[in-house]
Amino acid sequence: KLFNDMVDEEEELKKRLQERVVEFRREAIIMLAELSLEPDLPPENSLTMVAMEEALRTRLDSLDKEKTARLRSLNRLREREDALVETLGIEHVEERAQSPSGVPSHEFLQKLQNRVEKLEEEKTRRVQTYSSIHESIVYLMKELERQPQNTFEESITGSQQDTFLLSNENIKKADEFCQDLKKEFDSLEMTASAIRRQVEVMWNRLNVAQEDRVKFAEQYEGCKPAVIQRWRVELEVLEELKRQNMKEFVAATKSELEKWWDACLFGPEQKKEDMPDVADDDFSDEVLDAFEQKVEFLKFHYEEHAQIYQKINKRTKMWENYLQLEAKTNDPNR
């Protein structure tokens, strides 16, 4: 009886071993299909039952680990892809693994990896573009003393750049806003420059001390609206001083006109024709304006043809030097 029990137990173990072999092979075949791998299991009856069971179990464990690794990679890449797609504000490309089980193939994972890398590159490019625009906008808003006027401008000028949607549309809108600010800034620069020129003319005519000019100019640099307003106030003060010293102003402007006549190579007749038709004892605003208009016209004319006048002056100087040298050469007392 003992022998029969041992035989029965042996048969039962063999049966269970055979069942495990069959089950392991079946699961391995399914797993290979899920992983899109070619069958590489040892042929039936090529190994002993125990060796076959061990080989199939080992292979099944290996396949299970690979499946887990692929699914983990898929989830990681999907999460990164989703985050990038959201950040860039682009359409999500839906792609699924070919296996009905949803386990991605190596080719699919590589394709998804490539897509994520391209999205990363696109994000880097857009971040660089937007950072440059953002930096310019923040600077211009400060110089213009301007506050954001809507939620979009608030999102651009805010310190939390990570929350800004880096879509092509948003970056385009940000760039257009930046260009508008630049035009506004350029306009302010032109205004500031024009007012400074007017103030400098008045300083010259009123003989304002150089140290006072430098101190004022250094204190009110740039073209912020508040700075421009301060220059306007200075101009108004100088205008009032001008009205109080009109006679001296007319004389100074006459002298300046003569300087520009000489710079533009006017002869005596030209100077006579160009002289405003005013009385010598008339020191009204109209007379001063007449002289100032002549000065401004000649200044503009000279600047437009500066190279020509410089060449003429250089040629004249060379001719004078030649005549002096010739005179010395012909001097009997040399």
Protein backbone atom coordinates (compact mmCIF):
# COMPACT_ATOMS: atom_id res chain seq x y z
CA LYS A 1 0.00 0.00 0.00
CA LEU A 2 2.83 2.31 0.81
CA PHE A 3 4.34 1.70 -2.60
CA ASN A 4 1.03 2.40 -4.31
CA ASP A 5 0.67 5.63 -2.34
CA MET A 6 4.13 6.71 -3.44
CA VAL A 7 3.30 5.92 -7.06
CA ASP A 8 0.04 7.84 -6.83
CA GLU A 9 1.81 10.82 -5.27
CA GLU A 10 4.45 10.74 -7.96
CA GLU A 11 1.78 10.65 -10.64
CA GLU A 12 -0.01 13.57 -8.98
CA LEU A 13 3.21 15.62 -8.88
CA LYS A 14 3.90 14.76 -12.51
CA LYS A 15 0.39 15.78 -13.46
CA ARG A 16 0.66 19.11 -11.65
CA LEU A 17 4.07 19.70 -13.23
CA GLN A 18 2.61 19.00 -16.67
CA GLU A 19 -0.25 21.37 -15.96
CA ARG A 20 2.17 24.13 -14.91
CA VAL A 21 4.22 23.57 -18.02
CA VAL A 22 1.11 23.85 -20.16
CA GLU A 23 -0.09 26.92 -18.26
CA PHE A 24 3.33 28.62 -18.32
CA ARG A 25 3.63 27.99 -22.06
CA ARG A 26 0.12 29.32 -22.69
CA GLU A 27 0.79 32.48 -20.62
CA ALA A 28 4.20 32.99 -22.21
CA ILE A 29 2.70 32.74 -25.71
CA ILE A 30 0.06 35.31 -24.79
CA MET A 31 2.71 37.57 -23.24
CA LEU A 32 4.93 37.30 -26.30
CA ALA A 33 2.00 38.34 -28.48
CA GLU A 34 1.21 41.28 -26.19
CA LEU A 35 4.83 42.40 -26.35
CA SER A 36 4.98 41.93 -30.14
CA LEU A 37 7.89 39.51 -29.76
CA GLU A 38 8.70 36.47 -31.83
CA PRO A 39 8.07 33.11 -30.07
CA ASP A 40 11.32 31.95 -28.51
CA LEU A 41 10.13 29.22 -26.14
CA PRO A 42 11.97 25.89 -25.99
CA PRO A 43 10.23 23.26 -28.17
CA GLU A 44 8.09 20.69 -26.42
CA ASN A 45 9.90 17.51 -25.35
CA SER A 46 13.25 19.26 -25.83
CA LEU A 47 13.90 19.31 -22.07
CA THR A 48 13.00 17.23 -19.11
CA MET A 49 9.71 18.14 -17.47
CA VAL A 50 11.42 19.84 -14.53
CA ALA A 51 13.86 21.76 -16.75
CA MET A 52 11.02 22.79 -19.06
CA GLU A 53 8.96 24.07 -16.13
CA GLU A 54 11.95 26.04 -14.84
CA ALA A 55 12.76 27.50 -18.28
CA LEU A 56 9.16 28.56 -18.95
CA ARG A 57 8.75 30.09 -15.50
CA THR A 58 11.97 32.05 -15.88
CA ARG A 59 10.97 33.27 -19.33
CA LEU A 60 7.50 34.21 -18.11
CA ASP A 61 9.01 36.23 -15.26
CA SER A 62 11.27 37.99 -17.72
CA LEU A 63 8.36 38.82 -20.02
CA ASP A 64 6.28 40.07 -17.11
CA LYS A 65 9.09 42.40 -16.05
CA GLU A 66 9.43 43.70 -19.60
CA LYS A 67 5.68 44.30 -19.79
CA THR A 68 5.77 46.20 -16.50
CA ALA A 69 8.74 48.26 -17.68
CA ARG A 70 7.07 49.12 -20.98
CA LEU A 71 3.83 50.16 -19.30
CA ARG A 72 5.80 52.25 -16.82
CA SER A 73 7.66 53.92 -19.69
CA LEU A 74 4.38 54.47 -21.51
CA ASN A 75 2.81 56.16 -18.50
CA ARG A 76 5.89 58.32 -17.93
CA LEU A 77 6.05 59.43 -21.56
CA ARG A 78 2.29 60.02 -21.70
CA GLU A 79 2.40 62.19 -18.59
CA ARG A 80 5.27 64.23 -20.00
CA GLU A 81 3.57 64.48 -23.39
CA ASP A 82 0.31 65.65 -21.79
CA ALA A 83 2.14 68.29 -19.76
CA LEU A 84 4.01 69.59 -22.82
CA VAL A 85 0.91 69.61 -25.00
CA GLU A 86 -0.91 71.62 -22.34
CA THR A 87 1.98 74.05 -21.88
CA LEU A 88 2.39 74.62 -25.61
CA GLY A 89 -1.35 74.84 -26.25
CA ILE A 90 -1.23 72.44 -29.19
CA GLU A 91 -3.49 69.65 -30.33
CA HIS A 92 -2.89 66.25 -28.74
CA VAL A 93 -1.92 63.50 -31.17
CA GLU A 94 -3.70 60.32 -30.12
CA GLU A 95 -1.72 57.19 -30.85
CA ARG A 96 -2.27 53.74 -29.35
CA ALA A 97 -0.15 50.62 -29.28
CA GLN A 98 -0.99 48.01 -31.88
CA SER A 99 -1.49 45.22 -29.33
CA PRO A 100 -5.13 44.78 -28.23
CA SER A 101 -3.87 44.54 -24.65
CA GLY A 102 -2.52 48.09 -24.84
CA VAL A 103 1.08 47.04 -24.18
CA PRO A 104 3.29 49.25 -26.38
CA SER A 105 5.88 47.84 -28.71
CA HIS A 106 9.49 48.98 -28.69
CA GLU A 107 8.84 50.82 -31.94
CA PHE A 108 5.84 52.61 -30.46
CA LEU A 109 7.74 53.66 -27.34
CA GLN A 110 10.61 54.96 -29.47
CA LYS A 111 8.17 56.92 -31.62
CA LEU A 112 6.54 58.40 -28.52
CA GLN A 113 9.97 59.18 -27.06
CA ASN A 114 10.92 61.03 -30.26
CA ARG A 115 7.69 63.01 -30.12
CA VAL A 116 8.31 64.01 -26.49
CA GLU A 117 11.86 65.09 -27.36
CA LYS A 118 10.55 67.24 -30.22
CA LEU A 119 7.99 68.79 -27.88
CA GLU A 120 10.78 69.48 -25.38
CA GLU A 121 12.80 71.19 -28.09
CA GLU A 122 9.78 73.23 -29.16
CA LYS A 123 9.15 74.25 -25.56
CA THR A 124 12.78 75.33 -25.16
CA ARG A 125 12.54 77.40 -28.35
CA ARG A 126 9.29 79.04 -27.29
CA VAL A 127 10.55 79.72 -23.77
CA GLN A 128 13.59 81.48 -25.21
CA THR A 129 11.41 83.52 -27.57
CA TYR A 130 8.92 84.43 -24.88
CA SER A 131 11.61 85.23 -22.29
CA SER A 132 13.13 87.77 -24.67
CA ILE A 133 9.71 89.32 -25.37
CA HIS A 134 8.81 89.29 -21.65
CA GLU A 135 12.05 91.02 -20.71
CA SER A 136 11.45 93.76 -23.30
CA ILE A 137 7.83 94.24 -22.21
CA VAL A 138 8.73 94.55 -18.51
CA TYR A 139 11.42 97.14 -19.36
CA LEU A 140 9.14 99.13 -21.68
CA MET A 141 6.22 99.09 -19.22
CA LYS A 142 8.54 100.48 -16.55
CA GLU A 143 9.92 103.18 -18.85
CA LEU A 144 6.42 104.13 -19.99
CA GLU A 145 5.20 104.13 -16.38
CA ARG A 146 2.32 102.02 -17.53
CA GLN A 147 0.25 99.45 -15.66
CA PRO A 148 -1.36 96.29 -17.18
CA GLN A 149 -4.80 97.12 -18.56
CA ASN A 150 -6.29 93.62 -18.92
CA THR A 151 -5.78 90.03 -17.80
CA PHE A 152 -3.60 89.19 -20.81
CA GLU A 153 -1.20 92.04 -20.07
CA GLU A 154 -1.17 90.97 -16.41
CA SER A 155 -0.22 87.42 -17.43
CA ILE A 156 2.64 88.74 -19.57
CA THR A 157 4.08 91.16 -17.04
CA GLY A 158 3.63 88.87 -14.04
CA SER A 159 6.60 87.22 -12.38
CA GLN A 160 5.13 83.71 -12.74
CA GLN A 161 6.25 82.97 -16.31
CA ASP A 162 5.59 79.25 -15.82
CA THR A 163 1.85 79.90 -15.84
CA PHE A 164 1.89 81.60 -19.24
CA LEU A 165 0.43 79.42 -22.01
CA LEU A 166 3.20 79.13 -24.62
CA SER A 167 0.89 78.74 -27.60
CA ASN A 168 1.93 80.28 -30.92
CA GLU A 169 -1.10 82.55 -30.73
CA ASN A 170 -0.17 83.84 -27.26
CA ILE A 171 3.45 84.41 -28.23
CA LYS A 172 2.29 86.28 -31.34
CA LYS A 173 -0.05 88.45 -29.24
CA ALA A 174 2.77 89.11 -26.76
CA ASP A 175 5.11 90.12 -29.58
CA GLU A 176 2.47 92.43 -31.08
CA PHE A 177 1.97 94.02 -27.66
CA CYS A 178 5.73 94.44 -27.34
CA GLN A 179 5.90 96.12 -30.77
CA ASP A 180 3.12 98.52 -29.77
CA LEU A 181 5.04 99.41 -26.61
CA LYS A 182 8.21 99.96 -28.65
CA LYS A 183 6.36 102.39 -30.94
CA GLU A 184 5.02 104.23 -27.91
CA PHE A 185 8.51 104.28 -26.39
CA ASP A 186 10.07 105.53 -29.64
CA SER A 187 7.49 108.30 -29.74
CA LEU A 188 8.37 109.30 -26.19
CA GLU A 189 12.07 109.27 -27.04
CA MET A 190 11.44 111.61 -29.97
CA THR A 191 9.35 113.89 -27.76
CA ALA A 192 12.00 113.91 -25.04
CA SER A 193 14.76 114.58 -27.55
CA ALA A 194 12.85 117.47 -29.12
CA ILE A 195 12.15 119.09 -25.74
CA ARG A 196 15.78 118.67 -24.66
CA ARG A 197 16.95 120.40 -27.84
CA GLN A 198 14.59 123.29 -27.14
CA VAL A 199 15.82 123.54 -23.55
CA GLU A 200 19.47 123.44 -24.69
CA VAL A 201 18.82 126.29 -27.13
CA MET A 202 17.26 128.31 -24.33
CA TRP A 203 20.14 127.47 -21.99
CA ASN A 204 22.60 128.73 -24.59
CA ARG A 205 20.72 131.95 -25.16
CA LEU A 206 20.24 132.59 -21.46
CA ASN A 207 23.88 131.68 -20.71
CA VAL A 208 22.88 129.11 -18.09
CA ALA A 209 25.92 127.79 -16.24
CA GLN A 210 27.31 124.51 -17.58
CA GLU A 211 27.33 122.87 -14.16
CA ASP A 212 23.62 123.64 -13.73
CA ARG A 213 22.87 122.12 -17.12
CA VAL A 214 24.78 118.93 -16.34
CA LYS A 215 23.18 118.60 -12.92
CA PHE A 216 19.68 118.95 -14.35
CA ALA A 217 20.33 116.58 -17.29
CA GLU A 218 21.80 113.90 -15.01
CA GLN A 219 18.89 114.20 -12.60
CA TYR A 220 16.31 113.80 -15.36
CA GLU A 221 17.67 111.17 -17.73
CA GLY A 222 15.58 108.89 -19.96
CA CYS A 223 12.17 109.46 -21.45
CA LYS A 224 9.69 108.43 -18.81
CA PRO A 225 6.52 110.54 -18.86
CA ALA A 226 7.42 112.06 -15.48
CA VAL A 227 10.89 112.97 -16.80
CA ILE A 228 9.46 114.54 -19.95
CA GLN A 229 7.04 116.55 -17.84
CA ARG A 230 9.95 117.87 -15.77
CA TRP A 231 11.73 119.01 -18.95
CA ARG A 232 8.52 120.68 -20.09
CA VAL A 233 8.39 122.61 -16.81
CA GLU A 234 12.02 123.64 -17.30
CA LEU A 235 11.20 124.84 -20.82
CA GLU A 236 8.28 126.88 -19.51
CA VAL A 237 10.53 128.51 -16.92
CA LEU A 238 13.08 129.35 -19.61
CA GLU A 239 10.38 130.71 -21.90
CA GLU A 240 9.31 133.08 -19.14
CA LEU A 241 12.91 134.19 -18.68
CA LYS A 242 13.12 134.68 -22.42
CA ARG A 243 10.13 136.99 -22.39
CA GLN A 244 11.77 138.98 -19.64
CA ASN A 245 15.00 139.26 -21.69
CA MET A 246 13.63 139.55 -25.21
CA LYS A 247 16.16 142.15 -26.41
CA GLU A 248 19.10 139.93 -25.47
CA PHE A 249 17.38 136.94 -27.07
CA VAL A 250 16.87 138.69 -30.39
CA ALA A 251 20.52 139.76 -30.39
CA ALA A 252 21.69 136.22 -29.54
CA THR A 253 19.51 134.73 -32.27
CA LYS A 254 20.85 137.25 -34.81
CA SER A 255 24.36 136.23 -33.84
CA GLU A 256 23.46 132.55 -34.21
CA LEU A 257 21.95 133.25 -37.65
CA GLU A 258 25.19 134.86 -38.77
CA LYS A 259 27.10 131.80 -37.58
CA TRP A 260 24.93 129.53 -39.75
CA TRP A 261 25.23 131.90 -42.71
CA ASP A 262 28.99 131.47 -42.50
CA ALA A 263 28.67 127.69 -42.08
CA CYS A 264 26.50 127.54 -45.21
CA LEU A 265 28.96 129.79 -47.11
CA PHE A 266 26.53 132.68 -47.63
CA GLY A 267 27.97 135.72 -49.36
CA PRO A 268 27.13 139.33 -48.44
CA GLU A 269 24.29 139.56 -50.91
CA GLN A 270 22.79 136.24 -49.77
CA LYS A 271 22.96 137.34 -46.14
CA LYS A 272 21.24 140.60 -47.01
CA GLU A 273 18.46 138.80 -48.87
CA ASP A 274 18.02 136.24 -46.10
CA MET A 275 17.82 138.82 -43.29
CA PRO A 276 14.24 139.07 -41.94
CA ASP A 277 12.59 142.39 -42.79
CA VAL A 278 12.26 143.80 -39.27
CA ALA A 279 13.08 147.06 -37.55
CA ASP A 280 16.29 147.25 -35.56
CA ASP A 281 14.46 148.34 -32.44
CA ASP A 282 11.71 145.71 -32.65
CA PHE A 283 12.16 142.96 -30.02
CA SER A 284 8.76 141.35 -30.16
CA ASP A 285 7.94 137.60 -30.17
CA GLU A 286 7.22 137.84 -33.90
CA VAL A 287 10.71 139.16 -34.62
CA LEU A 288 12.31 136.47 -32.49
CA ASP A 289 10.24 133.79 -34.22
CA ALA A 290 11.35 135.10 -37.61
CA PHE A 291 15.01 134.80 -36.67
CA GLU A 292 14.52 131.40 -35.03
CA GLN A 293 12.81 130.03 -38.14
CA LYS A 294 15.74 131.16 -40.27
CA VAL A 295 18.19 129.52 -37.84
CA GLU A 296 16.25 126.24 -37.77
CA PHE A 297 16.04 126.17 -41.57
CA LEU A 298 19.78 126.73 -41.99
CA LYS A 299 20.62 124.16 -39.31
CA PHE A 300 18.50 121.58 -41.12
CA HIS A 301 19.97 122.56 -44.48
CA TYR A 302 23.52 122.26 -43.15
CA GLU A 303 22.89 118.86 -41.55
CA GLU A 304 21.35 117.57 -44.77
CA HIS A 305 24.44 118.62 -46.77
CA ALA A 306 27.09 118.39 -44.06
CA GLN A 307 29.42 116.16 -46.09
CA ILE A 308 29.45 118.62 -48.99
CA TYR A 309 30.25 121.58 -46.73
CA GLN A 310 32.95 119.61 -44.94
CA LYS A 311 34.60 118.77 -48.26
CA ILE A 312 34.41 122.42 -49.37
CA ASN A 313 35.95 123.60 -46.10
CA LYS A 314 38.69 120.98 -46.36
CA ARG A 315 39.43 122.02 -49.94
CA THR A 316 39.45 125.70 -48.96
CA LYS A 317 41.84 124.97 -46.10
CA MET A 318 44.15 123.04 -48.41
CA TRP A 319 44.11 125.94 -50.90
CA GLU A 320 44.93 128.43 -48.17
CA ASN A 321 47.81 126.24 -47.00
CA TYR A 322 49.05 126.03 -50.58
CA LEU A 323 48.98 129.81 -50.99
CA GLN A 324 50.85 130.26 -47.73
CA LEU A 325 53.47 127.75 -48.78
CA GLU A 326 53.83 129.42 -52.18
CA ALA A 327 54.16 132.81 -50.54
CA LYS A 328 56.95 131.52 -48.31
CA THR A 329 58.66 129.94 -51.33
CA ASN A 330 58.61 133.23 -53.26
CA ASP A 331 59.64 135.32 -50.26
CA PRO A 332 63.11 136.80 -51.09
CA ASN A 333 63.84 137.17 -47.39
CA ARG A 334 63.40 133.43 -46.59
